Amino acid sequence: MTASTPDTPLHTEWPALLRGESRLEWLPTGTVVVVLAGSITLEYPPRWLAGEAYRIRQTFTEGHAYALETSGWWGLYADRQRGAQLRVLVPAEPTYGWSLLTTLRRWLAHLGVRQQTRRGRA
């Protein structure tokens, strides 16, 4: 799995991490990381708390899946003894998608209708 940036087209990948290998990957919200073999430690993107940056690490073993709650640069660390085989499922479109835009468009159209009726045009 090569490093990707927000403008790179993303898709499903099957990366293998060698023993002790680590990678830093840009992954969007809603991405699902499945551990097919071995174990990995996921390191969350940095977060701020009381003026200091901190990172959370969580370990997953074979058979576990994790849906990413936030986008950012995620650290993937393979087990030092066995390595890991992963499946990374990246959503085809952003999670906010068209539903938010459709809702906003309806709301704006509703406001436009209300404005016209107040002026006596409708």
Protein backbone atom coordinates (compact mmCIF):
# COMPACT_ATOMS: atom_id res chain seq x y z
CA MET A 1 0.00 0.00 0.00
CA THR A 2 1.59 3.25 -1.06
CA ALA A 3 1.18 6.50 0.78
CA SER A 4 -1.89 8.29 -0.48
CA THR A 5 -3.06 11.86 -0.24
CA PRO A 6 -6.57 13.32 -0.11
CA ASP A 7 -6.61 13.84 -3.90
CA THR A 8 -5.46 10.32 -4.79
CA PRO A 9 -8.25 7.96 -5.94
CA LEU A 10 -8.72 5.32 -3.25
CA HIS A 11 -10.02 1.76 -3.48
CA THR A 12 -9.92 -1.61 -1.74
CA GLU A 13 -6.38 -2.80 -1.08
CA TRP A 14 -4.84 -5.96 0.35
CA PRO A 15 -1.54 -4.78 1.85
CA ALA A 16 0.85 -7.12 3.62
CA LEU A 17 3.00 -5.62 6.35
CA LEU A 18 6.25 -7.43 7.08
CA ARG A 19 7.40 -8.16 10.62
CA GLY A 20 7.77 -4.86 12.48
CA GLU A 21 6.88 -2.76 9.41
CA SER A 22 5.04 0.51 9.93
CA ARG A 23 3.28 2.88 7.54
CA LEU A 24 1.61 6.24 7.72
CA GLU A 25 -1.48 6.44 5.48
CA TRP A 26 -4.08 9.12 4.77
CA LEU A 27 -7.45 7.42 5.28
CA PRO A 28 -10.89 9.08 5.13
CA THR A 29 -13.72 8.67 7.63
CA GLY A 30 -15.65 5.45 7.11
CA THR A 31 -12.65 3.40 5.94
CA VAL A 32 -12.75 -0.16 7.30
CA VAL A 33 -9.49 -1.92 8.19
CA VAL A 34 -9.80 -5.72 8.45
CA VAL A 35 -6.96 -7.84 9.90
CA LEU A 36 -6.83 -11.06 7.87
CA ALA A 37 -3.69 -12.51 9.49
CA GLY A 38 -1.31 -11.48 12.26
CA SER A 39 -1.95 -8.36 14.30
CA ILE A 40 -1.56 -4.61 13.89
CA THR A 41 -1.55 -1.54 16.06
CA LEU A 42 -3.52 1.41 14.70
CA GLU A 43 -2.34 4.84 15.76
CA TYR A 44 -5.03 7.50 15.51
CA PRO A 45 -4.32 10.90 13.89
CA PRO A 46 -3.02 13.44 16.43
CA ARG A 47 -5.64 15.12 18.63
CA TRP A 48 -5.38 18.19 20.82
CA LEU A 49 -6.19 18.15 24.52
CA ALA A 50 -5.40 21.06 26.83
CA GLY A 51 -2.89 22.51 24.40
CA GLU A 52 -0.99 19.27 23.83
CA ALA A 53 -1.10 16.79 20.96
CA TYR A 54 -1.61 13.15 21.86
CA ARG A 55 -2.07 9.94 19.87
CA ILE A 56 -4.15 6.91 20.78
CA ARG A 57 -2.95 3.40 19.86
CA GLN A 58 -5.17 0.35 19.64
CA THR A 59 -4.13 -3.23 18.78
CA PHE A 60 -6.23 -5.56 16.61
CA THR A 61 -5.65 -9.26 15.99
CA GLU A 62 -6.64 -11.65 13.22
CA GLY A 63 -10.36 -11.51 12.40
CA HIS A 64 -10.98 -8.03 13.81
CA ALA A 65 -12.32 -5.11 11.77
CA TYR A 66 -12.32 -1.42 12.66
CA ALA A 67 -14.23 1.44 11.00
CA LEU A 68 -12.28 4.70 11.18
CA GLU A 69 -14.19 7.46 12.95
CA THR A 70 -12.15 10.34 11.59
CA SER A 71 -10.02 11.09 8.57
CA GLY A 72 -6.34 11.85 8.83
CA TRP A 73 -2.91 10.29 8.87
CA TRP A 74 -3.26 6.87 10.51
CA GLY A 75 -0.25 4.85 11.63
CA LEU A 76 -0.27 1.11 10.84
CA TYR A 77 2.23 -0.98 12.82
CA ALA A 78 2.63 -4.72 12.16
CA ASP A 79 3.37 -7.32 14.83
CA ARG A 80 7.13 -7.71 15.32
CA GLN A 81 6.98 -11.51 15.21
CA ARG A 82 4.47 -12.38 12.48
CA GLY A 83 3.66 -9.27 10.43
CA ALA A 84 0.10 -8.71 9.19
CA GLN A 85 -2.16 -9.15 6.18
CA LEU A 86 -4.86 -6.47 5.88
CA ARG A 87 -7.85 -5.54 3.81
CA VAL A 88 -8.52 -1.81 3.62
CA LEU A 89 -11.97 -0.79 2.34
CA VAL A 90 -12.16 2.91 1.49
CA PRO A 91 -15.60 4.45 0.83
CA ALA A 92 -16.22 5.45 -2.78
CA GLU A 93 -17.39 8.93 -1.85
CA PRO A 94 -17.13 11.16 1.21
CA THR A 95 -19.48 10.17 4.02
CA TYR A 96 -21.30 13.51 3.94
CA GLY A 97 -22.18 12.69 0.31
CA TRP A 98 -25.06 14.14 -1.60
CA SER A 99 -27.63 13.72 1.16
CA LEU A 100 -26.35 16.78 3.00
CA LEU A 101 -26.30 18.84 -0.19
CA THR A 102 -29.82 17.70 -1.11
CA THR A 103 -31.11 18.63 2.35
CA LEU A 104 -29.42 22.03 2.12
CA ARG A 105 -30.86 22.64 -1.35
CA ARG A 106 -34.40 21.80 -0.13
CA TRP A 107 -34.00 24.08 2.87
CA LEU A 108 -32.82 26.97 0.68
CA ALA A 109 -35.68 26.36 -1.77
CA HIS A 110 -38.12 26.42 1.15
CA LEU A 111 -36.72 29.76 2.31
CA GLY A 112 -37.06 31.14 -1.22
CA VAL A 113 -40.75 30.13 -1.35
CA ARG A 114 -41.39 31.75 2.03
CA GLN A 115 -39.78 34.99 0.84
CA GLN A 116 -41.97 35.09 -2.29
CA THR A 117 -45.21 34.49 -0.36
CA ARG A 118 -44.43 37.32 2.05
CA ARG A 119 -44.17 39.73 -0.86
CA GLY A 120 -47.47 38.53 -2.28
CA ARG A 121 -46.10 36.96 -5.46
CA ALA A 122 -47.21 33.38 -4.90
